[in-house]
Amino acid sequence: MASPFSTYSKEELLKKFKNQKIFISIQSIVVLLMIIFGVFSTLEKGVSFHTFLPLFFIPMLFVMIYEMKKIKKELLSRT
């Protein structure tokens, strides 16, 4: 089965890889802030929506990391 990135040129893959790296960094910071806010919110008010909010965003972070690894693998296969 062909990779979904096999239709991209090398320049497009490099650009997508750089963008993905930036998005992962930003989302990691946001998830970390949500975890910190959730802990403080739980300590102050007890269990609420803010306690579980990071649980909805962490899987998206893992999907983005997995996609970045696939892009990197495609780039390495072309060199």
PDB file of N, CA and C in Angstrom:
ATOM      1  N   MET A   1       0.840  -1.179   0.000  1.00  0.00           N
ATOM      2  CA  MET A   1       0.000   0.000   0.000  1.00  0.00           C
ATOM      3  C   MET A   1       0.886   1.244   0.000  1.00  0.00           C
ATOM      4  N   ALA A   2       0.572   2.172  -0.854  1.00  0.00           N
ATOM      5  CA  ALA A   2       1.373   3.375  -0.985  1.00  0.00           C
ATOM      6  C   ALA A   2       1.081   4.343   0.155  1.00  0.00           C
ATOM      7  N   SER A   3       2.095   5.091   0.509  1.00  0.00           N
ATOM      8  CA  SER A   3       1.960   6.083   1.560  1.00  0.00           C
ATOM      9  C   SER A   3       1.112   7.250   1.052  1.00  0.00           C
ATOM     10  N   PRO A   4       0.297   7.856   1.925  1.00  0.00           N
ATOM     11  CA  PRO A   4      -0.479   9.022   1.479  1.00  0.00           C
ATOM     12  C   PRO A   4       0.411  10.212   1.127  1.00  0.00           C
ATOM     13  N   PHE A   5       1.661  10.159   1.557  1.00  0.00           N
ATOM     14  CA  PHE A   5       2.586  11.253   1.274  1.00  0.00           C
ATOM     15  C   PHE A   5       3.422  10.993   0.033  1.00  0.00           C
ATOM     16  N   SER A   6       3.204   9.893  -0.647  1.00  0.00           N
ATOM     17  CA  SER A   6       4.014   9.561  -1.810  1.00  0.00           C
ATOM     18  C   SER A   6       3.733  10.476  -2.999  1.00  0.00           C
ATOM     19  N   THR A   7       2.600  11.163  -2.989  1.00  0.00           N
ATOM     20  CA  THR A   7       2.270  12.064  -4.089  1.00  0.00           C
ATOM     21  C   THR A   7       2.883  13.455  -3.913  1.00  0.00           C
ATOM     22  N   TYR A   8       3.408  13.735  -2.726  1.00  0.00           N
ATOM     23  CA  TYR A   8       4.012  15.034  -2.453  1.00  0.00           C
ATOM     24  C   TYR A   8       5.439  15.083  -2.995  1.00  0.00           C
ATOM     25  N   SER A   9       5.859  16.273  -3.384  1.00  0.00           N
ATOM     26  CA  SER A   9       7.263  16.450  -3.755  1.00  0.00           C
ATOM     27  C   SER A   9       8.100  16.570  -2.480  1.00  0.00           C
ATOM     28  N   LYS A  10       9.412  16.497  -2.650  1.00  0.00           N
ATOM     29  CA  LYS A  10      10.294  16.555  -1.483  1.00  0.00           C
ATOM     30  C   LYS A  10      10.181  17.911  -0.779  1.00  0.00           C
ATOM     31  N   GLU A  11      10.060  18.976  -1.550  1.00  0.00           N
ATOM     32  CA  GLU A  11       9.932  20.307  -0.959  1.00  0.00           C
ATOM     33  C   GLU A  11       8.631  20.432  -0.167  1.00  0.00           C
ATOM     34  N   GLU A  12       7.556  19.877  -0.726  1.00  0.00           N
ATOM     35  CA  GLU A  12       6.275  19.919  -0.023  1.00  0.00           C
ATOM     36  C   GLU A  12       6.339  19.111   1.270  1.00  0.00           C
ATOM     37  N   LEU A  13       7.021  17.979   1.224  1.00  0.00           N
ATOM     38  CA  LEU A  13       7.168  17.165   2.438  1.00  0.00           C
ATOM     39  C   LEU A  13       7.979  17.893   3.499  1.00  0.00           C
ATOM     40  N   LEU A  14       9.053  18.569   3.083  1.00  0.00           N
ATOM     41  CA  LEU A  14       9.860  19.320   4.043  1.00  0.00           C
ATOM     42  C   LEU A  14       9.048  20.434   4.692  1.00  0.00           C
ATOM     43  N   LYS A  15       8.257  21.123   3.864  1.00  0.00           N
ATOM     44  CA  LYS A  15       7.419  22.204   4.381  1.00  0.00           C
ATOM     45  C   LYS A  15       6.368  21.644   5.348  1.00  0.00           C
ATOM     46  N   LYS A  16       5.749  20.527   4.976  1.00  0.00           N
ATOM     47  CA  LYS A  16       4.743  19.901   5.832  1.00  0.00           C
ATOM     48  C   LYS A  16       5.380  19.406   7.129  1.00  0.00           C
ATOM     49  N   PHE A  17       6.594  18.886   7.056  1.00  0.00           N
ATOM     50  CA  PHE A  17       7.299  18.405   8.244  1.00  0.00           C
ATOM     51  C   PHE A  17       7.595  19.556   9.198  1.00  0.00           C
ATOM     52  N   LYS A  18       8.055  20.679   8.667  1.00  0.00           N
ATOM     53  CA  LYS A  18       8.350  21.841   9.512  1.00  0.00           C
ATOM     54  C   LYS A  18       7.074  22.375  10.163  1.00  0.00           C
ATOM     55  N   ASN A  19       6.000  22.462   9.377  1.00  0.00           N
ATOM     56  CA  ASN A  19       4.722  22.934   9.930  1.00  0.00           C
ATOM     57  C   ASN A  19       4.211  21.988  11.008  1.00  0.00           C
ATOM     58  N   GLN A  20       4.330  20.691  10.759  1.00  0.00           N
ATOM     59  CA  GLN A  20       3.872  19.704  11.730  1.00  0.00           C
ATOM     60  C   GLN A  20       4.651  19.820  13.031  1.00  0.00           C
ATOM     61  N   LYS A  21       5.952  20.068  12.912  1.00  0.00           N
ATOM     62  CA  LYS A  21       6.792  20.215  14.104  1.00  0.00           C
ATOM     63  C   LYS A  21       6.358  21.437  14.918  1.00  0.00           C
ATOM     64  N   ILE A  22       6.048  22.525  14.237  1.00  0.00           N
ATOM     65  CA  ILE A  22       5.594  23.744  14.911  1.00  0.00           C
ATOM     66  C   ILE A  22       4.248  23.507  15.592  1.00  0.00           C
ATOM     67  N   PHE A  23       3.316  22.852  14.878  1.00  0.00           N
ATOM     68  CA  PHE A  23       1.991  22.587  15.453  1.00  0.00           C
ATOM     69  C   PHE A  23       2.077  21.664  16.661  1.00  0.00           C
ATOM     70  N   ILE A  24       2.968  20.685  16.604  1.00  0.00           N
ATOM     71  CA  ILE A  24       3.135  19.781  17.739  1.00  0.00           C
ATOM     72  C   ILE A  24       3.672  20.542  18.944  1.00  0.00           C
ATOM     73  N   SER A  25       4.611  21.443  18.711  1.00  0.00           N
ATOM     74  CA  SER A  25       5.152  22.240  19.815  1.00  0.00           C
ATOM     75  C   SER A  25       4.065  23.104  20.454  1.00  0.00           C
ATOM     76  N   ILE A  26       3.292  23.762  19.631  1.00  0.00           N
ATOM     77  CA  ILE A  26       2.228  24.630  20.134  1.00  0.00           C
ATOM     78  C   ILE A  26       1.184  23.812  20.891  1.00  0.00           C
ATOM     79  N   GLN A  27       0.762  22.681  20.311  1.00  0.00           N
ATOM     80  CA  GLN A  27      -0.258  21.879  20.974  1.00  0.00           C
ATOM     81  C   GLN A  27       0.274  21.262  22.263  1.00  0.00           C
ATOM     82  N   SER A  28       1.550  20.923  22.296  1.00  0.00           N
ATOM     83  CA  SER A  28       2.135  20.386  23.532  1.00  0.00           C
ATOM     84  C   SER A  28       2.078  21.414  24.650  1.00  0.00           C
ATOM     85  N   ILE A  29       2.399  22.661  24.321  1.00  0.00           N
ATOM     86  CA  ILE A  29       2.349  23.731  25.314  1.00  0.00           C
ATOM     87  C   ILE A  29       0.914  23.946  25.793  1.00  0.00           C
ATOM     88  N   VAL A  30      -0.032  23.935  24.868  1.00  0.00           N
ATOM     89  CA  VAL A  30      -1.428  24.144  25.234  1.00  0.00           C
ATOM     90  C   VAL A  30      -1.928  23.010  26.128  1.00  0.00           C
ATOM     91  N   VAL A  31      -1.581  21.762  25.784  1.00  0.00           N
ATOM     92  CA  VAL A  31      -2.013  20.625  26.599  1.00  0.00           C
ATOM     93  C   VAL A  31      -1.383  20.703  27.986  1.00  0.00           C
ATOM     94  N   LEU A  32      -0.111  21.079  28.056  1.00  0.00           N
ATOM     95  CA  LEU A  32       0.550  21.224  29.342  1.00  0.00           C
ATOM     96  C   LEU A  32      -0.135  22.295  30.196  1.00  0.00           C
ATOM     97  N   LEU A  33      -0.481  23.413  29.587  1.00  0.00           N
ATOM     98  CA  LEU A  33      -1.194  24.465  30.312  1.00  0.00           C
ATOM     99  C   LEU A  33      -2.570  23.996  30.768  1.00  0.00           C
ATOM    100  N   MET A  34      -3.254  23.204  29.922  1.00  0.00           N
ATOM    101  CA  MET A  34      -4.562  22.679  30.325  1.00  0.00           C
ATOM    102  C   MET A  34      -4.426  21.714  31.494  1.00  0.00           C
ATOM    103  N   ILE A  35      -3.369  20.912  31.500  1.00  0.00           N
ATOM    104  CA  ILE A  35      -3.154  19.992  32.615  1.00  0.00           C
ATOM    105  C   ILE A  35      -2.900  20.765  33.901  1.00  0.00           C
ATOM    106  N   ILE A  36      -2.047  21.778  33.823  1.00  0.00           N
ATOM    107  CA  ILE A  36      -1.762  22.599  35.008  1.00  0.00           C
ATOM    108  C   ILE A  36      -3.024  23.296  35.502  1.00  0.00           C
ATOM    109  N   PHE A  37      -3.774  23.886  34.571  1.00  0.00           N
ATOM    110  CA  PHE A  37      -5.022  24.551  34.941  1.00  0.00           C
ATOM    111  C   PHE A  37      -6.013  23.551  35.523  1.00  0.00           C
ATOM    112  N   GLY A  38      -6.085  22.349  34.955  1.00  0.00           N
ATOM    113  CA  GLY A  38      -6.994  21.320  35.450  1.00  0.00           C
ATOM    114  C   GLY A  38      -6.650  20.880  36.857  1.00  0.00           C
ATOM    115  N   VAL A  39      -5.350  20.756  37.144  1.00  0.00           N
ATOM    116  CA  VAL A  39      -4.928  20.364  38.498  1.00  0.00           C
ATOM    117  C   VAL A  39      -5.307  21.447  39.501  1.00  0.00           C
ATOM    118  N   PHE A  40      -4.996  22.690  39.172  1.00  0.00           N
ATOM    119  CA  PHE A  40      -5.341  23.778  40.091  1.00  0.00           C
ATOM    120  C   PHE A  40      -6.855  23.927  40.246  1.00  0.00           C
ATOM    121  N   SER A  41      -7.580  23.766  39.160  1.00  0.00           N
ATOM    122  CA  SER A  41      -9.035  23.858  39.216  1.00  0.00           C
ATOM    123  C   SER A  41      -9.614  22.741  40.079  1.00  0.00           C
ATOM    124  N   THR A  42      -9.049  21.545  39.956  1.00  0.00           N
ATOM    125  CA  THR A  42      -9.523  20.422  40.764  1.00  0.00           C
ATOM    126  C   THR A  42      -9.222  20.638  42.235  1.00  0.00           C
ATOM    127  N   LEU A  43      -8.055  21.187  42.539  1.00  0.00           N
ATOM    128  CA  LEU A  43      -7.707  21.449  43.935  1.00  0.00           C
ATOM    129  C   LEU A  43      -8.599  22.525  44.544  1.00  0.00           C
ATOM    130  N   GLU A  44      -8.960  23.524  43.746  1.00  0.00           N
ATOM    131  CA  GLU A  44      -9.780  24.628  44.250  1.00  0.00           C
ATOM    132  C   GLU A  44     -11.263  24.264  44.355  1.00  0.00           C
ATOM    133  N   LYS A  45     -11.816  23.704  43.264  1.00  0.00           N
ATOM    134  CA  LYS A  45     -13.268  23.525  43.184  1.00  0.00           C
ATOM    135  C   LYS A  45     -13.708  22.069  43.170  1.00  0.00           C
ATOM    136  N   GLY A  46     -12.773  21.145  43.102  1.00  0.00           N
ATOM    137  CA  GLY A  46     -13.127  19.735  42.985  1.00  0.00           C
ATOM    138  C   GLY A  46     -13.179  19.331  41.514  1.00  0.00           C
ATOM    139  N   VAL A  47     -13.632  18.126  41.270  1.00  0.00           N
ATOM    140  CA  VAL A  47     -13.683  17.585  39.910  1.00  0.00           C
ATOM    141  C   VAL A  47     -14.717  18.344  39.089  1.00  0.00           C
ATOM    142  N   SER A  48     -14.278  18.799  37.905  1.00  0.00           N
ATOM    143  CA  SER A  48     -15.164  19.525  37.006  1.00  0.00           C
ATOM    144  C   SER A  48     -14.767  19.205  35.565  1.00  0.00           C
ATOM    145  N   PHE A  49     -15.340  19.933  34.642  1.00  0.00           N
ATOM    146  CA  PHE A  49     -15.044  19.765  33.226  1.00  0.00           C
ATOM    147  C   PHE A  49     -13.567  20.017  32.935  1.00  0.00           C
ATOM    148  N   HIS A  50     -12.981  20.977  33.619  1.00  0.00           N
ATOM    149  CA  HIS A  50     -11.577  21.334  33.392  1.00  0.00           C
ATOM    150  C   HIS A  50     -10.618  20.208  33.781  1.00  0.00           C
ATOM    151  N   THR A  51     -11.063  19.333  34.656  1.00  0.00           N
ATOM    152  CA  THR A  51     -10.228  18.219  35.070  1.00  0.00           C
ATOM    153  C   THR A  51      -9.990  17.260  33.907  1.00  0.00           C
ATOM    154  N   PHE A  52     -11.013  17.031  33.101  1.00  0.00           N
ATOM    155  CA  PHE A  52     -10.944  16.049  32.022  1.00  0.00           C
ATOM    156  C   PHE A  52     -10.673  16.651  30.650  1.00  0.00           C
ATOM    157  N   LEU A  53     -10.609  17.947  30.542  1.00  0.00           N
ATOM    158  CA  LEU A  53     -10.393  18.611  29.255  1.00  0.00           C
ATOM    159  C   LEU A  53      -9.113  18.163  28.545  1.00  0.00           C
ATOM    160  N   PRO A  54      -7.980  18.016  29.224  1.00  0.00           N
ATOM    161  CA  PRO A  54      -6.769  17.568  28.520  1.00  0.00           C
ATOM    162  C   PRO A  54      -6.905  16.169  27.921  1.00  0.00           C
ATOM    163  N   LEU A  55      -7.751  15.341  28.488  1.00  0.00           N
ATOM    164  CA  LEU A  55      -7.927  13.988  27.970  1.00  0.00           C
ATOM    165  C   LEU A  55      -8.494  13.971  26.552  1.00  0.00           C
ATOM    166  N   PHE A  56      -9.161  15.033  26.139  1.00  0.00           N
ATOM    167  CA  PHE A  56      -9.701  15.111  24.791  1.00  0.00           C
ATOM    168  C   PHE A  56      -8.647  15.570  23.783  1.00  0.00           C
ATOM    169  N   PHE A  57      -7.626  16.271  24.244  1.00  0.00           N
ATOM    170  CA  PHE A  57      -6.628  16.827  23.342  1.00  0.00           C
ATOM    171  C   PHE A  57      -5.352  15.993  23.255  1.00  0.00           C
ATOM    172  N   ILE A  58      -5.074  15.184  24.238  1.00  0.00           N
ATOM    173  CA  ILE A  58      -3.866  14.358  24.220  1.00  0.00           C
ATOM    174  C   ILE A  58      -3.875  13.369  23.054  1.00  0.00           C
ATOM    175  N   PRO A  59      -4.988  12.687  22.740  1.00  0.00           N
ATOM    176  CA  PRO A  59      -4.960  11.789  21.571  1.00  0.00           C
ATOM    177  C   PRO A  59      -4.655  12.509  20.260  1.00  0.00           C
ATOM    178  N   MET A  60      -5.138  13.737  20.110  1.00  0.00           N
ATOM    179  CA  MET A  60      -4.821  14.501  18.900  1.00  0.00           C
ATOM    180  C   MET A  60      -3.329  14.767  18.801  1.00  0.00           C
ATOM    181  N   LEU A  61      -2.692  15.000  19.932  1.00  0.00           N
ATOM    182  CA  LEU A  61      -1.250  15.225  19.957  1.00  0.00           C
ATOM    183  C   LEU A  61      -0.518  13.967  19.495  1.00  0.00           C
ATOM    184  N   PHE A  62      -0.960  12.805  19.970  1.00  0.00           N
ATOM    185  CA  PHE A  62      -0.321  11.556  19.569  1.00  0.00           C
ATOM    186  C   PHE A  62      -0.510  11.273  18.080  1.00  0.00           C
ATOM    187  N   VAL A  63      -1.669  11.617  17.539  1.00  0.00           N
ATOM    188  CA  VAL A  63      -1.914  11.442  16.105  1.00  0.00           C
ATOM    189  C   VAL A  63      -0.991  12.346  15.302  1.00  0.00           C
ATOM    190  N   MET A  64      -0.804  13.562  15.767  1.00  0.00           N
ATOM    191  CA  MET A  64       0.087  14.489  15.060  1.00  0.00           C
ATOM    192  C   MET A  64       1.528  13.988  15.096  1.00  0.00           C
ATOM    193  N   ILE A  65       1.951  13.441  16.224  1.00  0.00           N
ATOM    194  CA  ILE A  65       3.310  12.903  16.330  1.00  0.00           C
ATOM    195  C   ILE A  65       3.470  11.702  15.403  1.00  0.00           C
ATOM    196  N   TYR A  66       2.466  10.842  15.344  1.00  0.00           N
ATOM    197  CA  TYR A  66       2.515   9.677  14.461  1.00  0.00           C
ATOM    198  C   TYR A  66       2.594  10.110  12.996  1.00  0.00           C
ATOM    199  N   GLU A  67       1.826  11.131  12.625  1.00  0.00           N
ATOM    200  CA  GLU A  67       1.853  11.633  11.252  1.00  0.00           C
ATOM    201  C   GLU A  67       3.216  12.235  10.930  1.00  0.00           C
ATOM    202  N   MET A  68       3.819  12.930  11.890  1.00  0.00           N
ATOM    203  CA  MET A  68       5.143  13.506  11.665  1.00  0.00           C
ATOM    204  C   MET A  68       6.171  12.395  11.440  1.00  0.00           C
ATOM    205  N   LYS A  69       6.046  11.301  12.166  1.00  0.00           N
ATOM    206  CA  LYS A  69       6.961  10.176  11.973  1.00  0.00           C
ATOM    207  C   LYS A  69       6.797   9.567  10.586  1.00  0.00           C
ATOM    208  N   LYS A  70       5.557   9.512  10.086  1.00  0.00           N
ATOM    209  CA  LYS A  70       5.333   8.978   8.738  1.00  0.00           C
ATOM    210  C   LYS A  70       5.928   9.899   7.683  1.00  0.00           C
ATOM    211  N   ILE A  71       5.829  11.203   7.897  1.00  0.00           N
ATOM    212  CA  ILE A  71       6.434  12.160   6.967  1.00  0.00           C
ATOM    213  C   ILE A  71       7.942  12.009   6.965  1.00  0.00           C
ATOM    214  N   LYS A  72       8.517  11.877   8.148  1.00  0.00           N
ATOM    215  CA  LYS A  72       9.969  11.709   8.264  1.00  0.00           C
ATOM    216  C   LYS A  72      10.412  10.419   7.588  1.00  0.00           C
ATOM    217  N   LYS A  73       9.656   9.362   7.742  1.00  0.00           N
ATOM    218  CA  LYS A  73       9.986   8.085   7.109  1.00  0.00           C
ATOM    219  C   LYS A  73       9.944   8.225   5.587  1.00  0.00           C
ATOM    220  N   GLU A  74       8.959   8.932   5.082  1.00  0.00           N
ATOM    221  CA  GLU A  74       8.854   9.152   3.631  1.00  0.00           C
ATOM    222  C   GLU A  74      10.027   9.983   3.127  1.00  0.00           C
ATOM    223  N   LEU A  75      10.420  10.994   3.906  1.00  0.00           N
ATOM    224  CA  LEU A  75      11.571  11.815   3.506  1.00  0.00           C
ATOM    225  C   LEU A  75      12.855  10.981   3.489  1.00  0.00           C
ATOM    226  N   LEU A  76      13.027  10.138   4.482  1.00  0.00           N
ATOM    227  CA  LEU A  76      14.233   9.294   4.524  1.00  0.00           C
ATOM    228  C   LEU A  76      14.251   8.268   3.392  1.00  0.00           C
ATOM    229  N   SER A  77      13.103   7.809   2.972  1.00  0.00           N
ATOM    230  CA  SER A  77      13.067   6.831   1.891  1.00  0.00           C
ATOM    231  C   SER A  77      13.401   7.462   0.543  1.00  0.00           C
ATOM    232  N   ARG A  78      13.282   8.767   0.448  1.00  0.00           N
ATOM    233  CA  ARG A  78      13.581   9.451  -0.820  1.00  0.00           C
ATOM    234  C   ARG A  78      15.040   9.863  -0.951  1.00  0.00           C
ATOM    235  N   THR A  79      15.789   9.852   0.113  1.00  0.00           N
ATOM    236  CA  THR A  79      17.194  10.276   0.015  1.00  0.00           C
ATOM    237  C   THR A  79      18.113   9.116  -0.227  1.00  0.00           C
TER     238      THR A  79
END
